[in-house]
Amino acid sequence: MTIDMLKGQVQVYTGDGKGKTTAAVGLSVRVLGAGGSVFFAQFIKARQSSEFAALESFGGRFCLRRFGRGFVRGAPSKEDIDAARAGLHHTREAMLCRCYDIVVLDEINGAVSAGLILPEEIIQLIKDRPDNVELVLTGRGAHADIVAAADLVTELKEIKHYYHKGVMARKGIEY
């Protein structure tokens, strides 16, 4: 840990709007710019995204791990559950080692909604968080208990999206 954080907080970025992961990436850039370190765990997502190429240029101060096999539709498979559980285990270790100023669990709310991880497990992770670690949880449909346990909750709401006009995801903009 290299930045002076008296007391880390728990942040949740949720809602149906675009920008939850982008908000977590922006916070990561700010922490890295201040000389800090980031552990960024992606749940569910399996696709490479362009912003991480820039973040990985920070070397050892930025650690990205992917624990997803793609978005879950319907009942989750054993492989999906195993991947999410492994991700939660590794993320807990990263948080408890006190090697990182912030720990991001990207799409963890979706993993909870899909039944890959129990909300109680995330609540326990929040309770176990060392005081000087910022914990960031992203994804649609944040569970009410997770919202209640957080210090900051931001809901991104879709008002209008060009996807509805047939504009598909674009490299450098959406991924």
N, C-alpha and C. Protein backbone atom coordinates (compact mmCIF):
# COMPACT_ATOMS: atom_id res chain seq x y z
N MET A 1 0.84 -1.18 0.00
CA MET A 1 0.00 0.00 0.00
C MET A 1 0.89 1.24 0.00
N THR A 2 0.52 2.13 -0.88
CA THR A 2 1.37 3.31 -1.00
C THR A 2 0.62 4.62 -0.86
N ILE A 3 -0.68 4.63 -0.90
CA ILE A 3 -1.38 5.89 -0.71
C ILE A 3 -1.87 5.96 0.72
N ASP A 4 -2.03 7.16 1.22
CA ASP A 4 -2.41 7.38 2.61
C ASP A 4 -3.94 7.35 2.72
N MET A 5 -4.47 6.18 3.02
CA MET A 5 -5.90 6.02 3.16
C MET A 5 -6.19 5.71 4.62
N LEU A 6 -6.75 6.68 5.31
CA LEU A 6 -7.05 6.48 6.73
C LEU A 6 -8.09 5.39 6.93
N LYS A 7 -9.15 5.45 6.15
CA LYS A 7 -10.22 4.47 6.27
C LYS A 7 -10.79 4.22 4.89
N GLY A 8 -10.64 2.99 4.42
CA GLY A 8 -11.24 2.62 3.15
C GLY A 8 -12.74 2.52 3.29
N GLN A 9 -13.42 2.64 2.18
CA GLN A 9 -14.87 2.59 2.14
C GLN A 9 -15.32 1.47 1.21
N VAL A 10 -16.61 1.17 1.24
CA VAL A 10 -17.20 0.19 0.34
C VAL A 10 -18.09 0.95 -0.64
N GLN A 11 -17.76 0.83 -1.93
CA GLN A 11 -18.51 1.51 -2.98
C GLN A 11 -19.24 0.49 -3.84
N VAL A 12 -20.47 0.81 -4.22
CA VAL A 12 -21.25 -0.03 -5.12
C VAL A 12 -21.68 0.81 -6.31
N TYR A 13 -21.41 0.32 -7.52
CA TYR A 13 -21.88 0.93 -8.76
C TYR A 13 -22.86 -0.07 -9.37
N THR A 14 -24.13 0.32 -9.47
CA THR A 14 -25.16 -0.60 -9.94
C THR A 14 -26.11 0.12 -10.87
N GLY A 15 -27.13 -0.56 -11.35
CA GLY A 15 -28.13 0.03 -12.22
C GLY A 15 -28.05 -0.52 -13.63
N ASP A 16 -29.05 -0.15 -14.44
CA ASP A 16 -29.15 -0.65 -15.81
C ASP A 16 -28.39 0.20 -16.81
N GLY A 17 -27.84 1.32 -16.37
CA GLY A 17 -27.13 2.20 -17.29
C GLY A 17 -25.71 1.74 -17.57
N LYS A 18 -25.15 2.26 -18.64
CA LYS A 18 -23.78 1.98 -19.06
C LYS A 18 -22.81 2.74 -18.14
N GLY A 19 -21.69 2.11 -17.78
CA GLY A 19 -20.65 2.86 -17.09
C GLY A 19 -20.22 2.36 -15.73
N LYS A 20 -20.71 1.24 -15.28
CA LYS A 20 -20.34 0.74 -13.95
C LYS A 20 -18.87 0.30 -13.92
N THR A 21 -18.47 -0.51 -14.87
CA THR A 21 -17.07 -0.93 -14.95
C THR A 21 -16.19 0.28 -15.25
N THR A 22 -16.65 1.16 -16.12
CA THR A 22 -15.88 2.36 -16.46
C THR A 22 -15.64 3.22 -15.23
N ALA A 23 -16.63 3.33 -14.35
CA ALA A 23 -16.44 4.09 -13.10
C ALA A 23 -15.36 3.44 -12.24
N ALA A 24 -15.38 2.12 -12.16
CA ALA A 24 -14.37 1.41 -11.37
C ALA A 24 -12.99 1.55 -12.00
N VAL A 25 -12.93 1.54 -13.33
CA VAL A 25 -11.66 1.75 -14.03
C VAL A 25 -11.16 3.16 -13.77
N GLY A 26 -12.04 4.14 -13.81
CA GLY A 26 -11.65 5.53 -13.54
C GLY A 26 -11.08 5.69 -12.14
N LEU A 27 -11.72 5.08 -11.16
CA LEU A 27 -11.20 5.12 -9.80
C LEU A 27 -9.84 4.44 -9.73
N SER A 28 -9.69 3.33 -10.46
CA SER A 28 -8.40 2.63 -10.50
C SER A 28 -7.30 3.52 -11.06
N VAL A 29 -7.61 4.26 -12.12
CA VAL A 29 -6.64 5.19 -12.71
C VAL A 29 -6.24 6.25 -11.69
N ARG A 30 -7.22 6.76 -10.96
CA ARG A 30 -6.93 7.79 -9.95
C ARG A 30 -6.00 7.22 -8.87
N VAL A 31 -6.28 6.01 -8.40
CA VAL A 31 -5.44 5.39 -7.37
C VAL A 31 -4.03 5.15 -7.91
N LEU A 32 -3.93 4.63 -9.13
CA LEU A 32 -2.61 4.39 -9.72
C LEU A 32 -1.85 5.69 -9.93
N GLY A 33 -2.55 6.73 -10.35
CA GLY A 33 -1.93 8.04 -10.53
C GLY A 33 -1.40 8.63 -9.23
N ALA A 34 -2.02 8.24 -8.10
CA ALA A 34 -1.57 8.71 -6.79
C ALA A 34 -0.49 7.81 -6.20
N GLY A 35 -0.05 6.81 -6.99
CA GLY A 35 1.01 5.92 -6.52
C GLY A 35 0.51 4.67 -5.84
N GLY A 36 -0.79 4.43 -5.85
CA GLY A 36 -1.37 3.28 -5.18
C GLY A 36 -1.39 2.03 -6.05
N SER A 37 -2.05 1.00 -5.53
CA SER A 37 -2.11 -0.29 -6.23
C SER A 37 -3.55 -0.79 -6.24
N VAL A 38 -3.85 -1.59 -7.29
CA VAL A 38 -5.22 -2.03 -7.55
C VAL A 38 -5.25 -3.52 -7.87
N PHE A 39 -6.19 -4.22 -7.24
CA PHE A 39 -6.53 -5.60 -7.63
C PHE A 39 -7.90 -5.53 -8.25
N PHE A 40 -8.02 -5.92 -9.52
CA PHE A 40 -9.27 -5.81 -10.27
C PHE A 40 -9.69 -7.21 -10.69
N ALA A 41 -10.73 -7.73 -10.06
CA ALA A 41 -11.25 -9.06 -10.37
C ALA A 41 -12.51 -8.92 -11.20
N GLN A 42 -12.55 -9.60 -12.34
CA GLN A 42 -13.74 -9.58 -13.18
C GLN A 42 -14.47 -10.90 -13.05
N PHE A 43 -15.73 -10.81 -12.65
CA PHE A 43 -16.60 -11.97 -12.55
C PHE A 43 -17.51 -11.97 -13.77
N ILE A 44 -17.85 -13.14 -14.24
CA ILE A 44 -18.75 -13.35 -15.38
C ILE A 44 -18.11 -12.96 -16.70
N LYS A 45 -17.60 -11.75 -16.83
CA LYS A 45 -17.06 -11.27 -18.11
C LYS A 45 -15.88 -12.13 -18.55
N ALA A 46 -15.86 -12.44 -19.84
CA ALA A 46 -14.75 -13.22 -20.38
C ALA A 46 -14.04 -12.48 -21.50
N ARG A 47 -14.63 -11.41 -22.00
CA ARG A 47 -14.10 -10.68 -23.14
C ARG A 47 -13.00 -9.70 -22.71
N GLN A 48 -11.94 -9.65 -23.50
CA GLN A 48 -10.87 -8.67 -23.28
C GLN A 48 -11.43 -7.28 -23.56
N SER A 49 -11.08 -6.32 -22.73
CA SER A 49 -11.56 -4.95 -22.89
C SER A 49 -10.36 -4.00 -22.97
N SER A 50 -10.45 -3.02 -23.84
CA SER A 50 -9.31 -2.16 -24.18
C SER A 50 -8.73 -1.38 -23.02
N GLU A 51 -9.56 -0.94 -22.07
CA GLU A 51 -9.04 -0.11 -20.99
C GLU A 51 -7.99 -0.84 -20.14
N PHE A 52 -8.06 -2.17 -20.12
CA PHE A 52 -7.13 -2.91 -19.29
C PHE A 52 -5.72 -2.96 -19.89
N ALA A 53 -5.61 -2.79 -21.20
CA ALA A 53 -4.28 -2.71 -21.82
C ALA A 53 -3.54 -1.50 -21.26
N ALA A 54 -4.23 -0.39 -21.09
CA ALA A 54 -3.60 0.81 -20.51
C ALA A 54 -3.27 0.60 -19.04
N LEU A 55 -4.19 0.03 -18.30
CA LEU A 55 -3.96 -0.17 -16.87
C LEU A 55 -2.82 -1.15 -16.60
N GLU A 56 -2.70 -2.16 -17.44
CA GLU A 56 -1.63 -3.14 -17.23
C GLU A 56 -0.25 -2.54 -17.46
N SER A 57 -0.17 -1.36 -18.08
CA SER A 57 1.11 -0.70 -18.25
C SER A 57 1.69 -0.21 -16.92
N PHE A 58 0.88 -0.21 -15.87
CA PHE A 58 1.36 0.17 -14.55
C PHE A 58 2.12 -0.97 -13.88
N GLY A 59 2.24 -2.10 -14.55
CA GLY A 59 3.02 -3.22 -14.04
C GLY A 59 2.44 -3.81 -12.77
N GLY A 60 3.29 -4.06 -11.80
CA GLY A 60 2.92 -4.74 -10.57
C GLY A 60 1.93 -4.00 -9.69
N ARG A 61 1.69 -2.73 -9.95
CA ARG A 61 0.73 -1.98 -9.13
C ARG A 61 -0.71 -2.22 -9.58
N PHE A 62 -0.89 -2.84 -10.75
CA PHE A 62 -2.22 -3.18 -11.23
C PHE A 62 -2.28 -4.66 -11.54
N CYS A 63 -3.22 -5.34 -10.91
CA CYS A 63 -3.37 -6.78 -11.12
C CYS A 63 -4.80 -7.06 -11.59
N LEU A 64 -4.95 -7.62 -12.78
CA LEU A 64 -6.25 -7.99 -13.33
C LEU A 64 -6.37 -9.50 -13.35
N ARG A 65 -7.47 -10.00 -12.84
CA ARG A 65 -7.76 -11.43 -12.90
C ARG A 65 -9.20 -11.60 -13.39
N ARG A 66 -9.39 -12.52 -14.30
CA ARG A 66 -10.73 -12.81 -14.82
C ARG A 66 -11.17 -14.18 -14.31
N PHE A 67 -12.38 -14.21 -13.78
CA PHE A 67 -12.92 -15.44 -13.23
C PHE A 67 -14.26 -15.81 -13.87
N GLY A 68 -14.51 -15.25 -15.03
CA GLY A 68 -15.78 -15.51 -15.69
C GLY A 68 -15.63 -16.34 -16.94
N ARG A 69 -16.74 -16.96 -17.31
CA ARG A 69 -16.79 -17.75 -18.54
C ARG A 69 -17.76 -17.12 -19.53
N GLY A 70 -18.23 -15.92 -19.25
CA GLY A 70 -19.22 -15.24 -20.07
C GLY A 70 -20.51 -15.08 -19.28
N PHE A 71 -21.40 -14.25 -19.78
CA PHE A 71 -22.64 -13.98 -19.07
C PHE A 71 -23.47 -15.25 -18.94
N VAL A 72 -24.12 -15.41 -17.80
CA VAL A 72 -24.91 -16.60 -17.49
C VAL A 72 -26.36 -16.33 -17.85
N ARG A 73 -26.91 -17.18 -18.68
CA ARG A 73 -28.32 -17.09 -19.04
C ARG A 73 -28.99 -18.38 -18.57
N GLY A 74 -30.02 -18.23 -17.76
CA GLY A 74 -30.68 -19.42 -17.22
C GLY A 74 -29.92 -19.94 -16.01
N ALA A 75 -30.08 -21.21 -15.75
CA ALA A 75 -29.43 -21.84 -14.59
C ALA A 75 -27.92 -21.89 -14.81
N PRO A 76 -27.15 -21.48 -13.80
CA PRO A 76 -25.69 -21.51 -13.96
C PRO A 76 -25.16 -22.94 -13.99
N SER A 77 -24.11 -23.14 -14.76
CA SER A 77 -23.47 -24.46 -14.82
C SER A 77 -22.52 -24.61 -13.63
N LYS A 78 -22.11 -25.83 -13.37
CA LYS A 78 -21.13 -26.09 -12.32
C LYS A 78 -19.84 -25.34 -12.61
N GLU A 79 -19.45 -25.26 -13.88
CA GLU A 79 -18.22 -24.56 -14.26
C GLU A 79 -18.33 -23.06 -13.96
N ASP A 80 -19.51 -22.47 -14.22
CA ASP A 80 -19.71 -21.06 -13.91
C ASP A 80 -19.60 -20.82 -12.40
N ILE A 81 -20.23 -21.68 -11.63
CA ILE A 81 -20.19 -21.55 -10.17
C ILE A 81 -18.77 -21.73 -9.66
N ASP A 82 -18.07 -22.74 -10.16
CA ASP A 82 -16.69 -22.99 -9.73
C ASP A 82 -15.78 -21.80 -10.06
N ALA A 83 -15.97 -21.21 -11.25
CA ALA A 83 -15.15 -20.06 -11.64
C ALA A 83 -15.40 -18.88 -10.70
N ALA A 84 -16.67 -18.62 -10.39
CA ALA A 84 -17.00 -17.51 -9.50
C ALA A 84 -16.48 -17.76 -8.09
N ARG A 85 -16.60 -18.97 -7.60
CA ARG A 85 -16.14 -19.29 -6.25
C ARG A 85 -14.61 -19.15 -6.16
N ALA A 86 -13.91 -19.60 -7.20
CA ALA A 86 -12.45 -19.43 -7.24
C ALA A 86 -12.10 -17.95 -7.25
N GLY A 87 -12.87 -17.17 -8.00
CA GLY A 87 -12.64 -15.73 -8.04
C GLY A 87 -12.84 -15.08 -6.69
N LEU A 88 -13.89 -15.47 -5.99
CA LEU A 88 -14.14 -14.89 -4.67
C LEU A 88 -13.02 -15.26 -3.70
N HIS A 89 -12.54 -16.50 -3.78
CA HIS A 89 -11.44 -16.94 -2.93
C HIS A 89 -10.17 -16.12 -3.20
N HIS A 90 -9.81 -15.97 -4.47
CA HIS A 90 -8.59 -15.22 -4.82
C HIS A 90 -8.73 -13.74 -4.46
N THR A 91 -9.91 -13.21 -4.66
CA THR A 91 -10.14 -11.80 -4.33
C THR A 91 -10.05 -11.57 -2.83
N ARG A 92 -10.61 -12.48 -2.05
CA ARG A 92 -10.50 -12.38 -0.59
C ARG A 92 -9.03 -12.38 -0.17
N GLU A 93 -8.23 -13.29 -0.75
CA GLU A 93 -6.80 -13.33 -0.44
C GLU A 93 -6.11 -12.02 -0.80
N ALA A 94 -6.44 -11.47 -1.96
CA ALA A 94 -5.84 -10.20 -2.38
C ALA A 94 -6.22 -9.08 -1.43
N MET A 95 -7.46 -9.08 -0.97
CA MET A 95 -7.91 -8.05 -0.04
C MET A 95 -7.22 -8.19 1.32
N LEU A 96 -7.11 -9.40 1.81
CA LEU A 96 -6.56 -9.62 3.14
C LEU A 96 -5.04 -9.49 3.19
N CYS A 97 -4.36 -9.61 2.06
CA CYS A 97 -2.90 -9.49 2.05
C CYS A 97 -2.44 -8.06 2.30
N ARG A 98 -3.37 -7.10 2.16
CA ARG A 98 -3.06 -5.69 2.35
C ARG A 98 -2.00 -5.19 1.37
N CYS A 99 -1.94 -5.81 0.20
CA CYS A 99 -1.01 -5.42 -0.85
C CYS A 99 -1.60 -4.39 -1.79
N TYR A 100 -2.91 -4.18 -1.71
CA TYR A 100 -3.61 -3.31 -2.65
C TYR A 100 -4.39 -2.25 -1.91
N ASP A 101 -4.41 -1.05 -2.49
CA ASP A 101 -5.18 0.04 -1.91
C ASP A 101 -6.67 -0.12 -2.20
N ILE A 102 -6.98 -0.56 -3.42
CA ILE A 102 -8.39 -0.86 -3.71
C ILE A 102 -8.49 -2.25 -4.32
N VAL A 103 -9.61 -2.87 -4.04
CA VAL A 103 -9.95 -4.18 -4.60
C VAL A 103 -11.31 -4.02 -5.26
N VAL A 104 -11.34 -4.31 -6.57
CA VAL A 104 -12.57 -4.18 -7.36
C VAL A 104 -13.10 -5.56 -7.68
N LEU A 105 -14.38 -5.77 -7.43
CA LEU A 105 -15.07 -7.00 -7.83
C LEU A 105 -16.06 -6.59 -8.92
N ASP A 106 -15.59 -6.62 -10.16
CA ASP A 106 -16.39 -6.17 -11.29
C ASP A 106 -17.42 -7.24 -11.65
N GLU A 107 -18.68 -6.84 -11.80
CA GLU A 107 -19.81 -7.71 -12.11
C GLU A 107 -20.14 -8.70 -10.99
N ILE A 108 -19.70 -8.41 -9.77
CA ILE A 108 -20.02 -9.30 -8.65
C ILE A 108 -21.52 -9.29 -8.35
N ASN A 109 -22.16 -8.13 -8.55
CA ASN A 109 -23.61 -8.08 -8.32
C ASN A 109 -24.34 -9.01 -9.28
N GLY A 110 -23.88 -9.07 -10.52
CA GLY A 110 -24.46 -10.00 -11.49
C GLY A 110 -24.20 -11.45 -11.11
N ALA A 111 -23.02 -11.71 -10.54
CA ALA A 111 -22.71 -13.07 -10.10
C ALA A 111 -23.64 -13.49 -8.96
N VAL A 112 -23.96 -12.55 -8.07
CA VAL A 112 -24.90 -12.84 -6.99
C VAL A 112 -26.30 -13.06 -7.57
N SER A 113 -26.73 -12.17 -8.46
CA SER A 113 -28.06 -12.30 -9.07
C SER A 113 -28.22 -13.61 -9.83
N ALA A 114 -27.14 -14.07 -10.46
CA ALA A 114 -27.18 -15.31 -11.24
C ALA A 114 -27.10 -16.56 -10.36
N GLY A 115 -26.88 -16.37 -9.06
CA GLY A 115 -26.80 -17.52 -8.16
C GLY A 115 -25.43 -18.17 -8.10
N LEU A 116 -24.41 -17.49 -8.60
CA LEU A 116 -23.05 -18.04 -8.56
C LEU A 116 -22.43 -17.89 -7.19
N ILE A 117 -22.81 -16.84 -6.49
CA ILE A 117 -22.28 -16.51 -5.16
C ILE A 117 -23.46 -16.05 -4.32
N LEU A 118 -23.45 -16.37 -3.05
CA LEU A 118 -24.52 -15.96 -2.15
C LEU A 118 -24.28 -14.53 -1.67
N PRO A 119 -25.35 -13.75 -1.48
CA PRO A 119 -25.16 -12.39 -0.97
C PRO A 119 -24.46 -12.38 0.39
N GLU A 120 -24.71 -13.40 1.21
CA GLU A 120 -24.08 -13.48 2.53
C GLU A 120 -22.56 -13.55 2.43
N GLU A 121 -22.06 -14.16 1.35
CA GLU A 121 -20.61 -14.25 1.16
C GLU A 121 -20.01 -12.88 0.89
N ILE A 122 -20.75 -12.04 0.17
CA ILE A 122 -20.26 -10.68 -0.10
C ILE A 122 -20.34 -9.84 1.16
N ILE A 123 -21.39 -10.02 1.93
CA ILE A 123 -21.51 -9.30 3.21
C ILE A 123 -20.34 -9.68 4.12
N GLN A 124 -19.99 -10.96 4.16
CA GLN A 124 -18.86 -11.39 4.98
C GLN A 124 -17.56 -10.79 4.47
N LEU A 125 -17.40 -10.71 3.15
CA LEU A 125 -16.21 -10.08 2.58
C LEU A 125 -16.12 -8.63 3.02
N ILE A 126 -17.24 -7.93 3.01
CA ILE A 126 -17.28 -6.54 3.46
C ILE A 126 -16.88 -6.45 4.93
N LYS A 127 -17.39 -7.33 5.75
CA LYS A 127 -17.07 -7.32 7.18
C LYS A 127 -15.60 -7.62 7.44
N ASP A 128 -15.00 -8.46 6.59
CA ASP A 128 -13.60 -8.87 6.78
C ASP A 128 -12.60 -7.88 6.18
N ARG A 129 -13.09 -6.88 5.47
CA ARG A 129 -12.22 -5.93 4.78
C ARG A 129 -11.34 -5.18 5.77
N PRO A 130 -10.02 -5.18 5.53
CA PRO A 130 -9.14 -4.36 6.37
C PRO A 130 -9.53 -2.89 6.25
N ASP A 131 -9.34 -2.13 7.32
CA ASP A 131 -9.76 -0.73 7.36
C ASP A 131 -9.17 0.13 6.26
N ASN A 132 -7.97 -0.18 5.80
CA ASN A 132 -7.33 0.70 4.83
C ASN A 132 -7.45 0.20 3.39
N VAL A 133 -8.43 -0.65 3.12
CA VAL A 133 -8.67 -1.14 1.77
C VAL A 133 -10.02 -0.61 1.29
N GLU A 134 -10.03 0.01 0.12
CA GLU A 134 -11.27 0.44 -0.53
C GLU A 134 -11.81 -0.76 -1.31
N LEU A 135 -13.07 -1.06 -1.15
CA LEU A 135 -13.70 -2.20 -1.82
C LEU A 135 -14.76 -1.66 -2.77
N VAL A 136 -14.69 -2.07 -4.03
CA VAL A 136 -15.61 -1.59 -5.05
C VAL A 136 -16.34 -2.78 -5.67
N LEU A 137 -17.67 -2.72 -5.66
CA LEU A 137 -18.51 -3.80 -6.17
C LEU A 137 -19.35 -3.25 -7.31
N THR A 138 -19.28 -3.88 -8.50
CA THR A 138 -20.04 -3.37 -9.63
C THR A 138 -21.03 -4.41 -10.13
N GLY A 139 -21.95 -3.96 -10.95
CA GLY A 139 -22.88 -4.84 -11.62
C GLY A 139 -24.33 -4.47 -11.38
N ARG A 140 -25.16 -4.85 -12.31
CA ARG A 140 -26.59 -4.59 -12.22
C ARG A 140 -27.19 -5.35 -11.04
N GLY A 141 -28.30 -4.82 -10.56
CA GLY A 141 -29.12 -5.54 -9.59
C GLY A 141 -28.45 -5.82 -8.27
N ALA A 142 -27.77 -4.86 -7.69
CA ALA A 142 -27.12 -5.07 -6.39
C ALA A 142 -28.16 -5.53 -5.37
N HIS A 143 -27.83 -6.57 -4.65
CA HIS A 143 -28.71 -7.12 -3.62
C HIS A 143 -28.93 -6.08 -2.52
N ALA A 144 -30.13 -6.03 -1.98
CA ALA A 144 -30.48 -5.03 -0.96
C ALA A 144 -29.55 -5.07 0.24
N ASP A 145 -29.11 -6.25 0.66
CA ASP A 145 -28.21 -6.35 1.81
C ASP A 145 -26.83 -5.78 1.50
N ILE A 146 -26.39 -5.93 0.26
CA ILE A 146 -25.10 -5.36 -0.15
C ILE A 146 -25.21 -3.84 -0.20
N VAL A 147 -26.31 -3.34 -0.74
CA VAL A 147 -26.54 -1.89 -0.76
C VAL A 147 -26.53 -1.34 0.66
N ALA A 148 -27.20 -2.03 1.58
CA ALA A 148 -27.27 -1.56 2.97
C ALA A 148 -25.90 -1.56 3.63
N ALA A 149 -25.04 -2.50 3.27
CA ALA A 149 -23.71 -2.61 3.90
C ALA A 149 -22.69 -1.64 3.31
N ALA A 150 -22.99 -1.07 2.15
CA ALA A 150 -22.04 -0.18 1.47
C ALA A 150 -22.03 1.21 2.09
N ASP A 151 -20.93 1.93 1.84
CA ASP A 151 -20.80 3.32 2.28
C ASP A 151 -21.24 4.30 1.20
N LEU A 152 -21.11 3.89 -0.06
CA LEU A 152 -21.50 4.71 -1.20
C LEU A 152 -22.16 3.81 -2.22
N VAL A 153 -23.32 4.22 -2.72
CA VAL A 153 -24.01 3.46 -3.76
C VAL A 153 -24.39 4.45 -4.86
N THR A 154 -23.95 4.14 -6.08
CA THR A 154 -24.30 4.94 -7.24
C THR A 154 -25.08 4.05 -8.19
N GLU A 155 -26.26 4.53 -8.59
CA GLU A 155 -27.08 3.79 -9.55
C GLU A 155 -27.01 4.50 -10.89
N LEU A 156 -26.54 3.79 -11.89
CA LEU A 156 -26.48 4.33 -13.25
C LEU A 156 -27.76 3.92 -13.97
N LYS A 157 -28.48 4.89 -14.47
CA LYS A 157 -29.79 4.66 -15.07
C LYS A 157 -29.72 4.95 -16.56
N GLU A 158 -30.19 4.01 -17.36
CA GLU A 158 -30.25 4.23 -18.80
C GLU A 158 -31.44 5.13 -19.12
N ILE A 159 -31.16 6.22 -19.79
CA ILE A 159 -32.20 7.11 -20.29
C ILE A 159 -32.41 6.84 -21.79
N LYS A 160 -31.28 6.68 -22.47
CA LYS A 160 -31.29 6.45 -23.91
C LYS A 160 -29.99 5.73 -24.25
N HIS A 161 -30.04 4.78 -25.17
CA HIS A 161 -28.82 4.06 -25.57
C HIS A 161 -28.88 3.78 -27.06
N TYR A 162 -27.78 4.04 -27.75
CA TYR A 162 -27.72 3.83 -29.19
C TYR A 162 -27.81 2.36 -29.58
N TYR A 163 -27.64 1.46 -28.66
CA TYR A 163 -27.81 0.03 -28.92
C TYR A 163 -29.21 -0.25 -29.48
N HIS A 164 -30.19 0.50 -28.99
CA HIS A 164 -31.57 0.31 -29.43
C HIS A 164 -31.78 0.76 -30.87
N LYS A 165 -30.82 1.48 -31.44
CA LYS A 165 -30.87 1.87 -32.85
C LYS A 165 -30.02 0.92 -33.70
N GLY A 166 -29.52 -0.14 -33.08
CA GLY A 166 -28.74 -1.12 -33.83
C GLY A 166 -27.24 -0.91 -33.80
N VAL A 167 -26.76 0.06 -33.04
CA VAL A 167 -25.31 0.29 -32.93
C VAL A 167 -24.74 -0.78 -31.99
N MET A 168 -23.87 -1.61 -32.53
CA MET A 168 -23.29 -2.70 -31.75
C MET A 168 -22.08 -2.20 -30.95
N ALA A 169 -21.63 -3.01 -30.00
CA ALA A 169 -20.47 -2.66 -29.18
C ALA A 169 -19.26 -2.38 -30.06
N ARG A 170 -18.56 -1.27 -29.72
CA ARG A 170 -17.41 -0.83 -30.51
C ARG A 170 -16.14 -0.89 -29.68
N LYS A 171 -15.09 -1.42 -30.30
CA LYS A 171 -13.79 -1.50 -29.62
C LYS A 171 -13.32 -0.08 -29.31
N GLY A 172 -12.85 0.10 -28.08
CA GLY A 172 -12.37 1.40 -27.64
C GLY A 172 -13.46 2.27 -27.02
N ILE A 173 -14.72 1.93 -27.24
CA ILE A 173 -15.82 2.67 -26.65
C ILE A 173 -16.55 1.79 -25.62
N GLU A 174 -17.05 0.63 -26.05
CA GLU A 174 -17.75 -0.27 -25.12
C GLU A 174 -16.84 -1.38 -24.59
N TYR A 175 -15.79 -1.66 -25.28
CA TYR A 175 -14.87 -2.71 -24.80
C TYR A 175 -13.46 -2.41 -25.23
